[in-house]
PDB file of N, CA and C in Angstrom:
ATOM      1  N   MET A   1     311.007  70.115-225.572  1.00  0.00           N
ATOM      2  CA  MET A   1     310.126  69.122-225.424  1.00  0.00           C
ATOM      3  C   MET A   1     310.830  68.623-224.361  1.00  0.00           C
ATOM      4  N   PRO A   2     309.897  68.139-223.253  1.00  0.00           N
ATOM      5  CA  PRO A   2     310.428  67.534-222.010  1.00  0.00           C
ATOM      6  C   PRO A   2     310.846  66.185-222.489  1.00  0.00           C
ATOM      7  N   SER A   3     311.700  65.671-221.273  1.00  0.00           N
ATOM      8  CA  SER A   3     312.345  64.341-221.863  1.00  0.00           C
ATOM      9  C   SER A   3     311.344  63.314-221.248  1.00  0.00           C
ATOM     10  N   SER A   4     311.562  62.032-221.615  1.00  0.00           N
ATOM     11  CA  SER A   4     310.481  60.950-221.466  1.00  0.00           C
ATOM     12  C   SER A   4     310.502  60.787-219.943  1.00  0.00           C
ATOM     13  N   ILE A   5     311.532  61.180-219.256  1.00  0.00           N
ATOM     14  CA  ILE A   5     311.365  60.555-217.724  1.00  0.00           C
ATOM     15  C   ILE A   5     310.678  61.977-217.223  1.00  0.00           C
ATOM     16  N   GLU A   6     310.613  63.339-217.523  1.00  0.00           N
ATOM     17  CA  GLU A   6     309.865  64.348-217.341  1.00  0.00           C
ATOM     18  C   GLU A   6     308.478  64.113-217.410  1.00  0.00           C
ATOM     19  N   ALA A   7     308.356  63.629-218.561  1.00  0.00           N
ATOM     20  CA  ALA A   7     306.893  63.298-219.071  1.00  0.00           C
ATOM     21  C   ALA A   7     306.315  62.123-218.377  1.00  0.00           C
ATOM     22  N   LEU A   8     307.063  61.345-217.752  1.00  0.00           N
ATOM     23  CA  LEU A   8     306.510  60.213-216.706  1.00  0.00           C
ATOM     24  C   LEU A   8     306.249  60.783-215.621  1.00  0.00           C
ATOM     25  N   ARG A   9     307.164  61.528-215.258  1.00  0.00           N
ATOM     26  CA  ARG A   9     306.781  61.990-213.797  1.00  0.00           C
ATOM     27  C   ARG A   9     305.695  63.043-213.693  1.00  0.00           C
ATOM     28  N   ALA A  10     305.258  63.729-214.620  1.00  0.00           N
ATOM     29  CA  ALA A  10     304.216  64.482-215.020  1.00  0.00           C
ATOM     30  C   ALA A  10     302.869  63.709-214.935  1.00  0.00           C
ATOM     31  N   ARG A  11     303.052  62.590-215.689  1.00  0.00           N
ATOM     32  CA  ARG A  11     301.790  61.718-215.938  1.00  0.00           C
ATOM     33  C   ARG A  11     301.518  61.078-214.329  1.00  0.00           C
ATOM     34  N   ILE A  12     302.664  60.556-213.659  1.00  0.00           N
ATOM     35  CA  ILE A  12     302.580  59.898-212.543  1.00  0.00           C
ATOM     36  C   ILE A  12     301.960  61.183-211.542  1.00  0.00           C
ATOM     37  N   LYS A  13     302.272  62.212-211.607  1.00  0.00           N
ATOM     38  CA  LYS A  13     301.788  63.456-210.639  1.00  0.00           C
ATOM     39  C   LYS A  13     300.217  63.481-210.807  1.00  0.00           C
ATOM     40  N   GLN A  14     299.785  63.388-212.265  1.00  0.00           N
ATOM     41  CA  GLN A  14     298.282  63.569-212.308  1.00  0.00           C
ATOM     42  C   GLN A  14     297.618  62.575-212.069  1.00  0.00           C
ATOM     43  N   MET A  15     298.248  61.132-211.758  1.00  0.00           N
ATOM     44  CA  MET A  15     297.643  60.016-211.409  1.00  0.00           C
ATOM     45  C   MET A  15     297.292  59.912-209.786  1.00  0.00           C
ATOM     46  N   GLU A  16     298.396  60.398-209.132  1.00  0.00           N
ATOM     47  CA  GLU A  16     298.120  60.653-207.709  1.00  0.00           C
ATOM     48  C   GLU A  16     297.227  61.428-207.356  1.00  0.00           C
ATOM     49  N   SER A  17     296.392  60.752-206.323  1.00  0.00           N
ATOM     50  CA  SER A  17     295.357  61.643-205.487  1.00  0.00           C
ATOM     51  C   SER A  17     296.003  62.569-204.765  1.00  0.00           C
ATOM     52  N   PRO A  18     295.474  63.841-204.603  1.00  0.00           N
ATOM     53  CA  PRO A  18     295.873  64.762-203.712  1.00  0.00           C
ATOM     54  C   PRO A  18     295.440  64.201-202.122  1.00  0.00           C
ATOM     55  N   HIS A  19     294.606  63.686-202.101  1.00  0.00           N
ATOM     56  CA  HIS A  19     293.875  63.053-200.675  1.00  0.00           C
ATOM     57  C   HIS A  19     294.499  61.670-200.229  1.00  0.00           C
ATOM     58  N   ALA A  20     295.698  61.245-201.144  1.00  0.00           N
ATOM     59  CA  ALA A  20     296.056  59.787-201.067  1.00  0.00           C
ATOM     60  C   ALA A  20     296.602  59.665-199.725  1.00  0.00           C
ATOM     61  N   ARG A  21     296.283  58.727-198.706  1.00  0.00           N
ATOM     62  CA  ARG A  21     296.944  58.589-197.642  1.00  0.00           C
ATOM     63  C   ARG A  21     297.930  57.700-197.523  1.00  0.00           C
ATOM     64  N   LEU A  22     298.907  57.854-196.694  1.00  0.00           N
ATOM     65  CA  LEU A  22     300.316  57.272-196.536  1.00  0.00           C
ATOM     66  C   LEU A  22     299.793  55.956-195.846  1.00  0.00           C
ATOM     67  N   ALA A  23     300.151  55.102-196.592  1.00  0.00           N
ATOM     68  CA  ALA A  23     299.846  53.539-196.023  1.00  0.00           C
ATOM     69  C   ALA A  23     300.762  53.143-194.837  1.00  0.00           C
ATOM     70  N   ALA A  24     300.149  52.470-193.903  1.00  0.00           N
ATOM     71  CA  ALA A  24     301.187  52.285-192.636  1.00  0.00           C
ATOM     72  C   ALA A  24     302.215  50.914-193.066  1.00  0.00           C
ATOM     73  N   VAL A  25     303.218  50.838-192.537  1.00  0.00           N
ATOM     74  CA  VAL A  25     304.135  50.004-192.684  1.00  0.00           C
ATOM     75  C   VAL A  25     304.487  49.147-191.809  1.00  0.00           C
ATOM     76  N   LEU A  26     304.986  47.983-191.867  1.00  0.00           N
ATOM     77  CA  LEU A  26     305.770  47.286-190.657  1.00  0.00           C
ATOM     78  C   LEU A  26     306.919  46.941-191.032  1.00  0.00           C
ATOM     79  N   PRO A  27     307.858  47.894-190.402  1.00  0.00           N
ATOM     80  CA  PRO A  27     309.389  47.807-190.791  1.00  0.00           C
ATOM     81  C   PRO A  27     309.884  46.426-190.368  1.00  0.00           C
ATOM     82  N   PHE A  28     310.828  45.893-191.086  1.00  0.00           N
ATOM     83  CA  PHE A  28     311.709  44.550-190.622  1.00  0.00           C
ATOM     84  C   PHE A  28     312.631  44.906-189.512  1.00  0.00           C
ATOM     85  N   GLY A  29     313.189  46.367-189.537  1.00  0.00           N
ATOM     86  CA  GLY A  29     314.174  46.518-188.318  1.00  0.00           C
ATOM     87  C   GLY A  29     315.500  46.203-188.798  1.00  0.00           C
ATOM     88  N   ILE A  30     315.823  46.056-190.374  1.00  0.00           N
ATOM     89  CA  ILE A  30     316.983  45.687-190.698  1.00  0.00           C
ATOM     90  C   ILE A  30     317.073  46.872-192.033  1.00  0.00           C
ATOM     91  N   ALA A  31     318.046  47.660-191.663  1.00  0.00           N
ATOM     92  CA  ALA A  31     318.085  49.015-192.414  1.00  0.00           C
ATOM     93  C   ALA A  31     318.380  48.861-193.769  1.00  0.00           C
ATOM     94  N   SER A  32     319.197  47.937-194.199  1.00  0.00           N
ATOM     95  CA  SER A  32     319.523  47.482-195.638  1.00  0.00           C
ATOM     96  C   SER A  32     318.041  46.958-196.426  1.00  0.00           C
ATOM     97  N   LEU A  33     317.323  46.338-195.703  1.00  0.00           N
ATOM     98  CA  LEU A  33     316.184  45.570-196.408  1.00  0.00           C
ATOM     99  C   LEU A  33     315.047  46.698-196.207  1.00  0.00           C
ATOM    100  N   ASP A  34     314.894  47.431-195.079  1.00  0.00           N
ATOM    101  CA  ASP A  34     313.644  48.373-195.110  1.00  0.00           C
ATOM    102  C   ASP A  34     314.053  49.473-196.086  1.00  0.00           C
ATOM    103  N   ALA A  35     315.371  49.684-196.338  1.00  0.00           N
ATOM    104  CA  ALA A  35     315.442  50.735-197.270  1.00  0.00           C
ATOM    105  C   ALA A  35     315.064  50.372-198.687  1.00  0.00           C
ATOM    106  N   CYS A  36     315.077  49.273-199.245  1.00  0.00           N
ATOM    107  CA  CYS A  36     314.613  48.546-200.488  1.00  0.00           C
ATOM    108  C   CYS A  36     312.976  48.686-200.489  1.00  0.00           C
ATOM    109  N   LEU A  37     312.354  49.017-199.307  1.00  0.00           N
ATOM    110  CA  LEU A  37     310.985  48.648-199.674  1.00  0.00           C
ATOM    111  C   LEU A  37     310.250  49.950-199.716  1.00  0.00           C
ATOM    112  N   PRO A  38     309.208  49.998-200.543  1.00  0.00           N
ATOM    113  CA  PRO A  38     308.549  51.580-200.501  1.00  0.00           C
ATOM    114  C   PRO A  38     307.975  51.701-199.245  1.00  0.00           C
ATOM    115  N   GLY A  39     308.139  52.771-198.621  1.00  0.00           N
ATOM    116  CA  GLY A  39     307.761  53.280-197.269  1.00  0.00           C
ATOM    117  C   GLY A  39     308.467  52.716-195.951  1.00  0.00           C
ATOM    118  N   HIS A  40     309.412  52.084-196.614  1.00  0.00           N
ATOM    119  CA  HIS A  40     310.400  51.488-195.710  1.00  0.00           C
ATOM    120  C   HIS A  40     310.046  50.314-194.864  1.00  0.00           C
ATOM    121  N   GLY A  41     309.288  49.734-195.275  1.00  0.00           N
ATOM    122  CA  GLY A  41     308.607  48.494-194.636  1.00  0.00           C
ATOM    123  C   GLY A  41     307.371  47.694-195.262  1.00  0.00           C
ATOM    124  N   LEU A  42     306.974  46.640-194.751  1.00  0.00           N
ATOM    125  CA  LEU A  42     305.939  45.904-195.653  1.00  0.00           C
ATOM    126  C   LEU A  42     304.662  46.864-195.485  1.00  0.00           C
ATOM    127  N   ALA A  43     304.003  46.973-196.462  1.00  0.00           N
ATOM    128  CA  ALA A  43     302.688  47.675-196.314  1.00  0.00           C
ATOM    129  C   ALA A  43     301.594  47.038-195.681  1.00  0.00           C
ATOM    130  N   LEU A  44     300.848  47.487-194.748  1.00  0.00           N
ATOM    131  CA  LEU A  44     299.917  46.911-193.995  1.00  0.00           C
ATOM    132  C   LEU A  44     298.618  47.265-194.598  1.00  0.00           C
ATOM    133  N   GLY A  45     297.454  46.201-194.556  1.00  0.00           N
ATOM    134  CA  GLY A  45     296.389  46.071-195.190  1.00  0.00           C
ATOM    135  C   GLY A  45     296.537  45.788-196.685  1.00  0.00           C
ATOM    136  N   ALA A  46     297.488  45.084-197.076  1.00  0.00           N
ATOM    137  CA  ALA A  46     297.726  44.677-198.462  1.00  0.00           C
ATOM    138  C   ALA A  46     297.940  43.672-198.496  1.00  0.00           C
ATOM    139  N   LEU A  47     297.838  43.009-199.729  1.00  0.00           N
ATOM    140  CA  LEU A  47     298.227  41.448-200.199  1.00  0.00           C
ATOM    141  C   LEU A  47     299.711  41.341-200.460  1.00  0.00           C
ATOM    142  N   HIS A  48     300.292  40.355-199.884  1.00  0.00           N
ATOM    143  CA  HIS A  48     301.773  39.832-200.223  1.00  0.00           C
ATOM    144  C   HIS A  48     301.749  38.641-200.450  1.00  0.00           C
ATOM    145  N   GLU A  49     302.623  38.334-201.401  1.00  0.00           N
ATOM    146  CA  GLU A  49     303.071  36.992-201.841  1.00  0.00           C
ATOM    147  C   GLU A  49     304.547  36.411-201.254  1.00  0.00           C
ATOM    148  N   VAL A  50     304.443  35.419-200.571  1.00  0.00           N
ATOM    149  CA  VAL A  50     305.765  34.891-200.105  1.00  0.00           C
ATOM    150  C   VAL A  50     305.683  33.434-200.531  1.00  0.00           C
ATOM    151  N   ALA A  51     306.696  32.815-200.963  1.00  0.00           N
ATOM    152  CA  ALA A  51     306.900  31.502-201.237  1.00  0.00           C
ATOM    153  C   ALA A  51     308.419  31.163-201.163  1.00  0.00           C
ATOM    154  N   GLY A  52     308.278  30.059-200.952  1.00  0.00           N
ATOM    155  CA  GLY A  52     309.871  29.252-200.627  1.00  0.00           C
ATOM    156  C   GLY A  52     310.538  29.197-201.924  1.00  0.00           C
ATOM    157  N   ASP A  53     311.790  29.047-201.848  1.00  0.00           N
ATOM    158  CA  ASP A  53     312.658  28.830-203.069  1.00  0.00           C
ATOM    159  C   ASP A  53     312.229  27.912-204.034  1.00  0.00           C
ATOM    160  N   LYS A  54     312.022  26.603-203.269  1.00  0.00           N
ATOM    161  CA  LYS A  54     311.603  25.496-204.201  1.00  0.00           C
ATOM    162  C   LYS A  54     310.186  25.042-203.610  1.00  0.00           C
ATOM    163  N   LEU A  55     309.725  23.962-204.481  1.00  0.00           N
ATOM    164  CA  LEU A  55     308.279  23.588-203.987  1.00  0.00           C
ATOM    165  C   LEU A  55     308.250  22.416-203.057  1.00  0.00           C
ATOM    166  N   ASP A  56     309.482  22.445-202.200  1.00  0.00           N
ATOM    167  CA  ASP A  56     309.623  21.255-201.259  1.00  0.00           C
ATOM    168  C   ASP A  56     308.982  21.880-199.725  1.00  0.00           C
ATOM    169  N   SER A  57     308.885  20.798-199.191  1.00  0.00           N
ATOM    170  CA  SER A  57     308.335  21.321-197.786  1.00  0.00           C
ATOM    171  C   SER A  57     309.244  21.978-197.151  1.00  0.00           C
ATOM    172  N   PHE A  58     310.267  21.681-196.990  1.00  0.00           N
ATOM    173  CA  PHE A  58     311.420  22.560-196.125  1.00  0.00           C
ATOM    174  C   PHE A  58     311.488  24.086-196.519  1.00  0.00           C
ATOM    175  N   HIS A  59     311.300  24.291-197.794  1.00  0.00           N
ATOM    176  CA  HIS A  59     311.414  25.891-198.145  1.00  0.00           C
ATOM    177  C   HIS A  59     310.020  26.256-197.860  1.00  0.00           C
ATOM    178  N   SER A  60     309.008  25.520-198.102  1.00  0.00           N
ATOM    179  CA  SER A  60     307.640  26.224-197.981  1.00  0.00           C
ATOM    180  C   SER A  60     307.524  26.668-196.445  1.00  0.00           C
ATOM    181  N   ALA A  61     308.042  25.702-195.479  1.00  0.00           N
ATOM    182  CA  ALA A  61     308.008  25.685-193.968  1.00  0.00           C
ATOM    183  C   ALA A  61     308.471  27.141-193.572  1.00  0.00           C
ATOM    184  N   ALA A  62     309.801  27.233-194.243  1.00  0.00           N
ATOM    185  CA  ALA A  62     310.510  28.247-193.745  1.00  0.00           C
ATOM    186  C   ALA A  62     309.931  29.587-194.185  1.00  0.00           C
ATOM    187  N   ALA A  63     309.285  29.608-195.439  1.00  0.00           N
ATOM    188  CA  ALA A  63     308.438  30.789-195.873  1.00  0.00           C
ATOM    189  C   ALA A  63     307.355  31.164-194.895  1.00  0.00           C
ATOM    190  N   SER A  64     306.520  30.057-194.540  1.00  0.00           N
ATOM    191  CA  SER A  64     305.161  30.226-193.840  1.00  0.00           C
ATOM    192  C   SER A  64     305.798  30.661-192.370  1.00  0.00           C
ATOM    193  N   LEU A  65     306.692  29.959-191.962  1.00  0.00           N
ATOM    194  CA  LEU A  65     307.308  30.745-190.531  1.00  0.00           C
ATOM    195  C   LEU A  65     307.618  32.168-190.524  1.00  0.00           C
ATOM    196  N   PHE A  66     308.265  32.354-191.539  1.00  0.00           N
ATOM    197  CA  PHE A  66     308.873  34.004-191.874  1.00  0.00           C
ATOM    198  C   PHE A  66     307.487  34.779-191.850  1.00  0.00           C
ATOM    199  N   VAL A  67     306.759  34.346-192.508  1.00  0.00           N
ATOM    200  CA  VAL A  67     305.308  35.180-192.740  1.00  0.00           C
ATOM    201  C   VAL A  67     304.507  35.295-191.240  1.00  0.00           C
ATOM    202  N   ALA A  68     304.384  34.015-190.418  1.00  0.00           N
ATOM    203  CA  ALA A  68     303.795  34.043-189.387  1.00  0.00           C
ATOM    204  C   ALA A  68     304.421  34.856-188.358  1.00  0.00           C
ATOM    205  N   GLY A  69     305.825  34.843-188.180  1.00  0.00           N
ATOM    206  CA  GLY A  69     306.616  35.778-187.395  1.00  0.00           C
ATOM    207  C   GLY A  69     306.304  37.326-187.509  1.00  0.00           C
ATOM    208  N   ILE A  70     306.372  37.567-188.881  1.00  0.00           N
ATOM    209  CA  ILE A  70     306.066  39.126-189.066  1.00  0.00           C
ATOM    210  C   ILE A  70     304.583  39.413-188.865  1.00  0.00           C
ATOM    211  N   THR A  71     303.754  38.589-189.205  1.00  0.00           N
ATOM    212  CA  THR A  71     302.331  38.865-188.980  1.00  0.00           C
ATOM    213  C   THR A  71     301.887  38.837-187.574  1.00  0.00           C
ATOM    214  N   ALA A  72     302.516  38.193-186.759  1.00  0.00           N
ATOM    215  CA  ALA A  72     302.404  38.179-185.333  1.00  0.00           C
ATOM    216  C   ALA A  72     302.510  39.581-184.488  1.00  0.00           C
ATOM    217  N   ARG A  73     303.667  40.155-185.218  1.00  0.00           N
ATOM    218  CA  ARG A  73     303.815  41.491-184.653  1.00  0.00           C
ATOM    219  C   ARG A  73     302.655  42.740-184.847  1.00  0.00           C
ATOM    220  N   ILE A  74     301.702  42.354-185.583  1.00  0.00           N
ATOM    221  CA  ILE A  74     300.567  43.230-185.628  1.00  0.00           C
ATOM    222  C   ILE A  74     299.247  42.963-185.284  1.00  0.00           C
ATOM    223  N   PRO A  75     298.350  43.586-184.877  1.00  0.00           N
ATOM    224  CA  PRO A  75     296.870  43.309-184.494  1.00  0.00           C
ATOM    225  C   PRO A  75     296.137  42.785-185.594  1.00  0.00           C
ATOM    226  N   GLY A  76     295.019  42.086-185.111  1.00  0.00           N
ATOM    227  CA  GLY A  76     293.944  41.899-186.184  1.00  0.00           C
ATOM    228  C   GLY A  76     294.124  40.427-187.116  1.00  0.00           C
ATOM    229  N   PRO A  77     293.040  40.257-187.690  1.00  0.00           N
ATOM    230  CA  PRO A  77     292.879  39.304-188.666  1.00  0.00           C
ATOM    231  C   PRO A  77     293.955  39.073-189.639  1.00  0.00           C
ATOM    232  N   VAL A  78     294.288  37.706-189.883  1.00  0.00           N
ATOM    233  CA  VAL A  78     295.084  37.479-190.996  1.00  0.00           C
ATOM    234  C   VAL A  78     294.516  36.686-192.019  1.00  0.00           C
ATOM    235  N   LEU A  79     294.448  37.048-193.350  1.00  0.00           N
ATOM    236  CA  LEU A  79     294.041  36.015-194.420  1.00  0.00           C
ATOM    237  C   LEU A  79     295.097  35.333-194.972  1.00  0.00           C
ATOM    238  N   TRP A  80     295.157  34.149-195.031  1.00  0.00           N
ATOM    239  CA  TRP A  80     296.036  33.199-195.418  1.00  0.00           C
ATOM    240  C   TRP A  80     295.618  32.247-196.676  1.00  0.00           C
ATOM    241  N   CYS A  81     295.868  32.583-197.484  1.00  0.00           N
ATOM    242  CA  CYS A  81     295.409  31.724-198.947  1.00  0.00           C
ATOM    243  C   CYS A  81     296.766  31.004-199.527  1.00  0.00           C
ATOM    244  N   LEU A  82     296.356  29.545-199.552  1.00  0.00           N
ATOM    245  CA  LEU A  82     297.374  28.930-200.406  1.00  0.00           C
ATOM    246  C   LEU A  82     296.917  27.857-201.219  1.00  0.00           C
ATOM    247  N   ALA A  83     297.812  27.429-202.057  1.00  0.00           N
ATOM    248  CA  ALA A  83     297.148  26.427-203.310  1.00  0.00           C
ATOM    249  C   ALA A  83     297.446  24.874-202.946  1.00  0.00           C
ATOM    250  N   ARG A  84     298.346  24.670-201.781  1.00  0.00           N
ATOM    251  CA  ARG A  84     298.232  23.184-201.266  1.00  0.00           C
ATOM    252  C   ARG A  84     297.730  23.072-200.000  1.00  0.00           C
ATOM    253  N   ALA A  85     297.417  22.097-199.594  1.00  0.00           N
ATOM    254  CA  ALA A  85     296.919  21.714-198.034  1.00  0.00           C
ATOM    255  C   ALA A  85     297.925  21.385-197.548  1.00  0.00           C
ATOM    256  N   ASP A  86     299.102  22.293-197.027  1.00  0.00           N
ATOM    257  CA  ASP A  86     300.113  21.943-196.219  1.00  0.00           C
ATOM    258  C   ASP A  86     300.632  22.783-195.087  1.00  0.00           C
ATOM    259  N   LEU A  87     299.429  23.768-194.842  1.00  0.00           N
ATOM    260  CA  LEU A  87     299.669  24.763-193.842  1.00  0.00           C
ATOM    261  C   LEU A  87     299.491  23.940-192.255  1.00  0.00           C
ATOM    262  N   PHE A  88     300.663  23.884-191.553  1.00  0.00           N
ATOM    263  CA  PHE A  88     300.658  23.449-190.169  1.00  0.00           C
ATOM    264  C   PHE A  88     300.394  24.620-189.106  1.00  0.00           C
ATOM    265  N   THR A  89     299.183  24.439-188.760  1.00  0.00           N
ATOM    266  CA  THR A  89     298.971  25.804-187.925  1.00  0.00           C
ATOM    267  C   THR A  89     299.326  25.927-186.502  1.00  0.00           C
ATOM    268  N   PRO A  90     299.608  24.439-185.697  1.00  0.00           N
ATOM    269  CA  PRO A  90     300.541  24.718-184.642  1.00  0.00           C
ATOM    270  C   PRO A  90     301.837  25.365-184.732  1.00  0.00           C
ATOM    271  N   GLY A  91     302.453  25.072-185.832  1.00  0.00           N
ATOM    272  CA  GLY A  91     303.802  25.550-186.321  1.00  0.00           C
ATOM    273  C   GLY A  91     303.833  27.229-186.217  1.00  0.00           C
ATOM    274  N   LEU A  92     302.543  27.550-186.956  1.00  0.00           N
ATOM    275  CA  LEU A  92     302.600  29.030-186.783  1.00  0.00           C
ATOM    276  C   LEU A  92     302.438  29.750-185.647  1.00  0.00           C
ATOM    277  N   ALA A  93     301.633  28.972-184.664  1.00  0.00           N
ATOM    278  CA  ALA A  93     301.565  29.282-183.277  1.00  0.00           C
ATOM    279  C   ALA A  93     302.813  29.699-182.717  1.00  0.00           C
ATOM    280  N   GLN A  94     303.755  28.448-182.797  1.00  0.00           N
ATOM    281  CA  GLN A  94     305.125  28.570-182.248  1.00  0.00           C
ATOM    282  C   GLN A  94     305.818  29.751-182.742  1.00  0.00           C
ATOM    283  N   ALA A  95     305.245  30.342-184.268  1.00  0.00           N
ATOM    284  CA  ALA A  95     306.275  31.631-184.402  1.00  0.00           C
ATOM    285  C   ALA A  95     305.354  32.826-183.919  1.00  0.00           C
ATOM    286  N   GLY A  96     304.305  32.462-183.227  1.00  0.00           N
ATOM    287  CA  GLY A  96     303.676  33.758-182.606  1.00  0.00           C
ATOM    288  C   GLY A  96     302.345  34.059-182.993  1.00  0.00           C
ATOM    289  N   LEU A  97     302.128  33.515-184.013  1.00  0.00           N
ATOM    290  CA  LEU A  97     300.669  33.804-184.876  1.00  0.00           C
ATOM    291  C   LEU A  97     299.619  32.668-184.314  1.00  0.00           C
ATOM    292  N   SER A  98     298.711  33.031-183.430  1.00  0.00           N
ATOM    293  CA  SER A  98     297.714  32.153-182.802  1.00  0.00           C
ATOM    294  C   SER A  98     296.725  31.920-183.966  1.00  0.00           C
ATOM    295  N   ALA A  99     296.109  30.630-183.891  1.00  0.00           N
ATOM    296  CA  ALA A  99     295.180  30.484-184.771  1.00  0.00           C
ATOM    297  C   ALA A  99     294.013  30.843-184.827  1.00  0.00           C
ATOM    298  N   ASP A 100     293.353  31.582-183.788  1.00  0.00           N
ATOM    299  CA  ASP A 100     292.215  32.338-183.697  1.00  0.00           C
ATOM    300  C   ASP A 100     292.122  33.561-184.571  1.00  0.00           C
ATOM    301  N   ARG A 101     293.330  34.026-184.994  1.00  0.00           N
ATOM    302  CA  ARG A 101     293.618  35.058-185.817  1.00  0.00           C
ATOM    303  C   ARG A 101     293.621  35.107-187.216  1.00  0.00           C
ATOM    304  N   GLY A 102     293.764  33.591-187.694  1.00  0.00           N
ATOM    305  CA  GLY A 102     293.976  33.159-189.246  1.00  0.00           C
ATOM    306  C   GLY A 102     292.771  32.803-189.670  1.00  0.00           C
ATOM    307  N   ILE A 103     292.469  33.354-191.075  1.00  0.00           N
ATOM    308  CA  ILE A 103     291.435  33.016-191.783  1.00  0.00           C
ATOM    309  C   ILE A 103     292.223  32.196-193.024  1.00  0.00           C
ATOM    310  N   HIS A 104     291.942  30.857-192.976  1.00  0.00           N
ATOM    311  CA  HIS A 104     292.631  29.902-194.118  1.00  0.00           C
ATOM    312  C   HIS A 104     291.882  29.643-195.198  1.00  0.00           C
ATOM    313  N   VAL A 105     292.274  29.758-196.266  1.00  0.00           N
ATOM    314  CA  VAL A 105     291.752  29.559-197.738  1.00  0.00           C
ATOM    315  C   VAL A 105     292.545  28.743-198.443  1.00  0.00           C
ATOM    316  N   GLU A 106     292.309  27.331-198.745  1.00  0.00           N
ATOM    317  CA  GLU A 106     292.829  26.541-199.593  1.00  0.00           C
ATOM    318  C   GLU A 106     291.979  26.422-201.017  1.00  0.00           C
ATOM    319  N   ALA A 107     292.914  26.743-202.140  1.00  0.00           N
ATOM    320  CA  ALA A 107     292.043  26.883-203.135  1.00  0.00           C
ATOM    321  C   ALA A 107     293.047  26.276-204.439  1.00  0.00           C
ATOM    322  N   SER A 108     292.410  25.520-205.074  1.00  0.00           N
ATOM    323  CA  SER A 108     293.321  25.028-206.322  1.00  0.00           C
ATOM    324  C   SER A 108     292.483  24.951-207.404  1.00  0.00           C
ATOM    325  N   PRO A 109     292.883  25.134-208.713  1.00  0.00           N
ATOM    326  CA  PRO A 109     294.307  25.780-209.110  1.00  0.00           C
ATOM    327  C   PRO A 109     294.391  27.193-208.717  1.00  0.00           C
ATOM    328  N   GLU A 110     295.606  27.608-209.047  1.00  0.00           N
ATOM    329  CA  GLU A 110     296.236  28.769-208.661  1.00  0.00           C
ATOM    330  C   GLU A 110     295.177  30.045-209.121  1.00  0.00           C
ATOM    331  N   ALA A 111     294.547  29.865-210.164  1.00  0.00           N
ATOM    332  CA  ALA A 111     293.349  30.856-210.638  1.00  0.00           C
ATOM    333  C   ALA A 111     292.460  31.149-209.783  1.00  0.00           C
ATOM    334  N   SER A 112     292.117  30.317-208.887  1.00  0.00           N
ATOM    335  CA  SER A 112     290.942  30.228-208.174  1.00  0.00           C
ATOM    336  C   SER A 112     291.465  30.976-206.803  1.00  0.00           C
ATOM    337  N   LEU A 113     292.629  30.628-206.306  1.00  0.00           N
ATOM    338  CA  LEU A 113     293.498  31.022-205.485  1.00  0.00           C
ATOM    339  C   LEU A 113     293.494  32.597-205.514  1.00  0.00           C
ATOM    340  N   LEU A 114     293.817  33.123-206.739  1.00  0.00           N
ATOM    341  CA  LEU A 114     293.883  34.447-206.866  1.00  0.00           C
ATOM    342  C   LEU A 114     292.381  35.224-206.925  1.00  0.00           C
ATOM    343  N   ALA A 115     291.467  34.335-207.378  1.00  0.00           N
ATOM    344  CA  ALA A 115     289.995  34.986-207.258  1.00  0.00           C
ATOM    345  C   ALA A 115     289.536  35.058-205.737  1.00  0.00           C
ATOM    346  N   CYS A 116     290.263  34.063-204.836  1.00  0.00           N
ATOM    347  CA  CYS A 116     289.898  34.319-203.318  1.00  0.00           C
ATOM    348  C   CYS A 116     290.384  35.592-202.970  1.00  0.00           C
ATOM    349  N   CYS A 117     291.706  35.871-203.194  1.00  0.00           N
ATOM    350  CA  CYS A 117     292.309  37.130-202.921  1.00  0.00           C
ATOM    351  C   CYS A 117     291.729  38.361-203.172  1.00  0.00           C
ATOM    352  N   GLU A 118     291.160  38.102-204.644  1.00  0.00           N
ATOM    353  CA  GLU A 118     290.467  39.369-205.274  1.00  0.00           C
ATOM    354  C   GLU A 118     289.236  39.597-204.524  1.00  0.00           C
ATOM    355  N   GLU A 119     288.555  38.567-203.912  1.00  0.00           N
ATOM    356  CA  GLU A 119     287.256  38.505-203.226  1.00  0.00           C
ATOM    357  C   GLU A 119     287.659  39.174-201.942  1.00  0.00           C
ATOM    358  N   ALA A 120     288.502  38.856-201.392  1.00  0.00           N
ATOM    359  CA  ALA A 120     288.796  39.405-199.752  1.00  0.00           C
ATOM    360  C   ALA A 120     289.085  40.808-199.929  1.00  0.00           C
ATOM    361  N   CYS A 121     289.808  41.372-201.065  1.00  0.00           N
ATOM    362  CA  CYS A 121     290.169  42.619-201.470  1.00  0.00           C
ATOM    363  C   CYS A 121     289.104  43.431-201.332  1.00  0.00           C
ATOM    364  N   ALA A 122     288.033  43.072-201.975  1.00  0.00           N
ATOM    365  CA  ALA A 122     286.737  43.663-202.385  1.00  0.00           C
ATOM    366  C   ALA A 122     285.900  43.668-200.945  1.00  0.00           C
ATOM    367  N   MET A 123     286.143  42.682-200.352  1.00  0.00           N
ATOM    368  CA  MET A 123     285.286  42.763-198.936  1.00  0.00           C
ATOM    369  C   MET A 123     285.842  43.675-198.042  1.00  0.00           C
ATOM    370  N   ALA A 124     287.185  43.937-198.013  1.00  0.00           N
ATOM    371  CA  ALA A 124     287.861  44.666-196.991  1.00  0.00           C
ATOM    372  C   ALA A 124     287.782  46.296-197.434  1.00  0.00           C
ATOM    373  N   ALA A 125     287.601  46.381-198.849  1.00  0.00           N
ATOM    374  CA  ALA A 125     287.378  47.745-199.032  1.00  0.00           C
ATOM    375  C   ALA A 125     286.129  48.590-198.701  1.00  0.00           C
TER     376      ALA A 125
END
């Protein structure tokens, strides 16, 4: 009888498509961080949630600038969904992400924010 790990590996292998394409990634360029991520970077063409440590403006701004700096490194539009109307577009531009690349969605409560993300994924597919 196979061990539960072997059975799980067999099940995963069955679920994987032989035609699955490798997703492109955007590495951070920090070996210890990239090594922890699937594909050794942040998956492109995917949804990612980034939030500050607290709900105060300092931590939210730091998280927003972090994301702006990362997304500025790749071409194409960026869908930016948020639950609070606290996005400062000129600040994102200073981090390298120009306003003409962004599609901003403000939705509250968070359940409708998730619905917006789901709709965006369906449109992109």
